Protein backbone atom coordinates (compact mmCIF):
# COMPACT_ATOMS: atom_id res chain seq x y z
CA UNK A 1 41.29 27.53 -42.32
CA UNK A 2 39.37 30.79 -41.43
CA UNK A 3 35.57 30.44 -40.26
CA UNK A 4 33.45 31.70 -43.20
CA UNK A 5 30.18 33.46 -42.40
CA UNK A 6 27.45 30.92 -42.60
CA UNK A 7 29.68 28.07 -41.26
CA UNK A 8 28.00 28.25 -37.88
CA UNK A 9 24.49 28.02 -39.28
CA UNK A 10 25.42 24.99 -41.60
CA UNK A 11 26.79 23.13 -38.67
CA UNK A 12 23.87 23.62 -36.54
CA UNK A 13 21.72 22.62 -39.39
CA UNK A 14 23.89 19.52 -39.82
CA UNK A 15 23.76 18.74 -36.04
CA UNK A 16 19.86 19.08 -36.11
CA UNK A 17 19.59 16.75 -39.29
CA UNK A 18 21.91 14.12 -37.36
CA UNK A 19 19.53 14.54 -34.18
CA UNK A 20 16.46 14.22 -36.02
CA UNK A 21 17.66 11.13 -37.91
CA UNK A 22 18.97 9.54 -34.67
CA UNK A 23 15.50 10.18 -32.91
CA UNK A 24 13.85 8.89 -35.87
CA UNK A 25 15.74 5.62 -35.51
CA UNK A 26 15.28 5.37 -31.89
CA UNK A 27 11.51 5.86 -32.10
CA UNK A 28 11.06 3.29 -34.72
CA UNK A 29 13.20 0.80 -32.85
CA UNK A 30 11.04 1.49 -29.81
CA UNK A 31 7.90 0.98 -31.76
CA UNK A 32 9.28 -2.27 -33.30
CA UNK A 33 10.13 -3.62 -29.74
CA UNK A 34 6.54 -2.85 -28.61
CA UNK A 35 4.97 -4.78 -31.61
CA UNK A 36 7.55 -7.78 -31.14
CA UNK A 37 6.88 -8.14 -27.30
CA UNK A 38 3.09 -6.93 -26.88
CA UNK A 39 1.65 -6.80 -30.40
CA UNK A 40 0.59 -3.77 -32.58
CA UNK A 41 -2.13 -2.71 -30.20
CA UNK A 42 0.47 -1.71 -27.65
CA UNK A 43 2.00 0.94 -30.08
CA UNK A 44 0.52 4.25 -28.80
CA UNK A 45 2.49 7.54 -29.14
CA UNK A 46 2.73 7.62 -25.19
CA UNK A 47 4.05 3.81 -25.02
CA UNK A 48 6.67 4.61 -27.88
CA UNK A 49 7.76 7.69 -26.05
CA UNK A 50 8.25 5.78 -22.81
CA UNK A 51 9.96 2.83 -24.53
CA UNK A 52 12.48 5.43 -26.24
CA UNK A 53 13.01 7.53 -23.15
CA UNK A 54 11.62 10.74 -24.78
CA UNK A 55 8.86 13.20 -24.39
CA UNK A 56 5.40 12.35 -26.07
CA UNK A 57 5.86 15.62 -27.90
CA UNK A 58 9.00 14.23 -29.63
CA UNK A 59 7.00 11.49 -31.05
CA UNK A 60 4.18 13.81 -32.28
CA UNK A 61 6.75 16.18 -33.82
CA UNK A 62 8.45 13.45 -35.78
CA UNK A 63 5.25 11.50 -36.94
CA UNK A 64 2.10 13.70 -36.32
CA UNK A 65 0.00 10.69 -35.37
CA UNK A 66 -0.10 7.02 -34.46
CA UNK A 67 -0.98 6.43 -38.11
CA UNK A 68 2.07 8.52 -39.46
CA UNK A 69 4.28 6.45 -36.90
CA UNK A 70 2.82 3.17 -38.18
CA UNK A 71 3.44 4.08 -41.85
CA UNK A 72 6.98 5.12 -40.97
CA UNK A 73 7.43 1.89 -39.32
CA UNK A 74 5.89 -0.05 -42.16
CA UNK A 75 8.44 1.71 -44.73
CA UNK A 76 11.25 0.88 -42.36
CA UNK A 77 10.23 -2.79 -42.00
CA UNK A 78 9.80 -3.02 -45.80
CA UNK A 79 13.11 -1.65 -46.34
CA UNK A 80 14.63 -4.05 -43.95
CA UNK A 81 13.11 -7.05 -45.33
CA UNK A 82 14.11 -6.02 -48.85
CA UNK A 83 17.68 -5.39 -47.66
CA UNK A 84 17.58 -8.95 -46.06
CA UNK A 85 16.61 -10.86 -49.08
CA UNK A 86 18.84 -9.02 -51.41
CA UNK A 87 22.02 -8.99 -49.35
CA UNK A 88 21.35 -10.34 -45.81
CA UNK A 89 22.47 -13.58 -44.08
CA UNK A 90 21.06 -17.00 -45.19
CA UNK A 91 18.55 -18.37 -45.43
CA UNK A 92 16.44 -15.27 -46.35
CA UNK A 93 19.70 -13.83 -48.08
CA UNK A 94 21.67 -15.05 -51.12
CA UNK A 95 23.59 -18.33 -50.88
CA UNK A 96 20.89 -20.73 -49.39
CA UNK A 97 18.99 -23.18 -51.64
CA UNK A 98 15.91 -21.49 -53.30
CA UNK A 99 13.48 -23.44 -51.50
CA UNK A 100 14.90 -22.44 -48.10
CA UNK A 101 14.97 -18.78 -49.34
CA UNK A 102 11.30 -18.92 -50.34
CA UNK A 103 10.38 -20.27 -47.14
CA UNK A 104 12.39 -17.71 -45.16
CA UNK A 105 10.76 -14.98 -47.26
CA UNK A 106 7.43 -16.09 -46.60
CA UNK A 107 7.94 -16.42 -42.78
CA UNK A 108 9.33 -12.75 -42.87
CA UNK A 109 6.69 -11.39 -44.89
CA UNK A 110 3.82 -13.07 -42.92
CA UNK A 111 5.25 -11.58 -39.80
CA UNK A 112 5.44 -8.19 -41.41
CA UNK A 113 2.05 -8.38 -42.42
CA UNK A 114 0.67 -9.59 -39.28
CA UNK A 115 2.50 -6.90 -37.26
CA UNK A 116 1.16 -4.06 -39.49
CA UNK A 117 -2.07 -5.56 -40.57
CA UNK A 118 -4.40 -2.48 -39.74
CA UNK A 119 -2.30 -0.33 -41.68
CA UNK A 120 -1.86 -2.32 -44.57
CA UNK A 121 -5.80 -2.89 -44.88
CA UNK A 122 -6.03 0.80 -44.74
CA UNK A 123 -3.48 1.40 -47.42
CA UNK A 124 -5.07 -1.41 -49.59
CA UNK A 125 -8.54 0.35 -49.20
CA UNK A 126 -6.91 3.55 -50.11
CA UNK A 127 -5.22 2.39 -53.18
CA UNK A 128 -7.83 -0.05 -54.51
CA UNK A 129 -5.31 -2.98 -54.86
CA UNK A 130 -2.31 -3.14 -52.51
CA UNK A 131 -1.00 -5.92 -54.70
CA UNK A 132 -0.02 -3.30 -57.25
CA UNK A 133 1.90 -1.43 -54.65
CA UNK A 134 5.82 -0.97 -55.45
CA UNK A 135 6.22 -3.11 -52.10
CA UNK A 136 4.71 -6.02 -54.02
CA UNK A 137 6.32 -5.29 -57.31
CA UNK A 138 9.90 -6.00 -55.62
CA UNK A 139 8.53 -8.90 -53.77
CA UNK A 140 7.01 -10.51 -56.87
CA UNK A 141 10.36 -9.99 -58.80
CA UNK A 142 12.15 -11.96 -55.79
CA UNK A 143 9.51 -14.60 -55.67
CA UNK A 144 9.64 -15.31 -59.41
CA UNK A 145 13.31 -15.57 -59.41
CA UNK A 146 13.17 -18.20 -56.79
CA UNK A 147 10.46 -20.09 -58.49
CA UNK A 148 12.53 -20.04 -61.65
CA UNK A 149 15.41 -21.52 -59.70
CA UNK A 150 13.09 -24.22 -58.34
CA UNK A 151 12.39 -25.49 -61.82
CA UNK A 152 9.15 -23.85 -62.60
CA UNK A 153 8.59 -22.62 -66.39
CA UNK A 154 9.25 -19.12 -67.70
CA UNK A 155 5.40 -18.46 -67.59
CA UNK A 156 5.09 -18.24 -63.87
CA UNK A 157 2.76 -15.43 -63.05
CA UNK A 158 -0.03 -17.45 -61.93
CA UNK A 159 2.10 -19.56 -59.61
CA UNK A 160 3.90 -16.47 -58.18
CA UNK A 161 0.64 -14.97 -57.41
CA UNK A 162 -0.73 -18.05 -55.80
CA UNK A 163 2.34 -18.25 -53.63
CA UNK A 164 2.06 -14.61 -52.57
CA UNK A 165 -1.52 -14.31 -52.19
CA UNK A 166 -1.77 -15.85 -48.70
CA UNK A 167 0.89 -13.49 -47.66
CA UNK A 168 -1.02 -10.02 -48.13
CA UNK A 169 -3.05 -8.34 -45.80
CA UNK A 170 -6.54 -9.03 -46.95
CA UNK A 171 -5.70 -12.90 -46.67
CA UNK A 172 -4.12 -12.66 -43.42
CA UNK A 173 -6.96 -10.54 -42.03
CA UNK A 174 -9.38 -13.27 -43.34
CA UNK A 175 -7.50 -16.13 -42.08
CA UNK A 176 -7.36 -14.52 -38.59
CA UNK A 177 -10.69 -12.97 -38.43
CA UNK A 178 -12.76 -15.68 -40.09
CA UNK A 179 -10.90 -18.98 -40.08
CA UNK A 180 -9.50 -18.24 -36.67
CA UNK A 181 -6.03 -19.19 -37.26
CA UNK A 182 -3.03 -17.82 -35.49
CA UNK A 183 0.14 -16.63 -37.24
CA UNK A 184 2.04 -19.91 -36.68
CA UNK A 185 -0.85 -22.07 -38.22
CA UNK A 186 -1.10 -19.69 -41.04
CA UNK A 187 2.78 -19.92 -41.76
CA UNK A 188 2.87 -23.62 -41.25
CA UNK A 189 -0.04 -24.19 -43.93
CA UNK A 190 1.73 -21.82 -46.37
CA UNK A 191 5.01 -23.64 -45.89
CA UNK A 192 3.29 -26.78 -46.73
CA UNK A 193 1.73 -25.53 -49.61
CA UNK A 194 4.89 -24.22 -50.98
CA UNK A 195 6.86 -27.56 -50.31
CA UNK A 196 4.01 -29.34 -52.12
CA UNK A 197 4.45 -27.21 -55.28
CA UNK A 198 8.12 -27.44 -55.26
CA UNK A 199 7.85 -31.14 -54.87
CA UNK A 200 5.67 -31.37 -57.78
CA UNK A 201 7.77 -29.49 -60.30
CA UNK A 202 10.87 -31.40 -59.12
CA UNK A 203 9.00 -34.57 -60.12
CA UNK A 204 7.72 -33.46 -63.52
């Protein structure tokens, strides 16, 4: 097939888009590694560049600022957790008993909230109520499905809100900064609450 005028330009554009997508994945993975190993405070533009093995300018060109990087990482992490509870392995994904899935979801959500707490708090302040964000709409639907599978009645809006309230950023910030609880303690207390609710509905 003869080479048409413009094919070379399109090929270069496709290559550049592929390179940009690869760099984005690489940088987000580097930022997540830093959070997992050292906490969110360790995520600086310089540290991410060093972790990813690229120049600092690459990070700035891709995300603009640390806030832009953290928001992109939040979106990426949210997409991952949603994929996990929709189609991932058990116990978070389909196939496990509903209580196991709900507990796994809470653990994953609390870790995500803790990892991105500062960004989530800023987003909540900007939107007025982060619980109305599409992120929480998808989560609320998932939680309500699991609660129905556990035997709760159709009108479960209050129960679903009660189960999710300790998972949101404002609650986690209060529990961490005011109540002085670490993430493991928050998670343990949340799990005990959910198990108690599930046991109560099973007995009724």
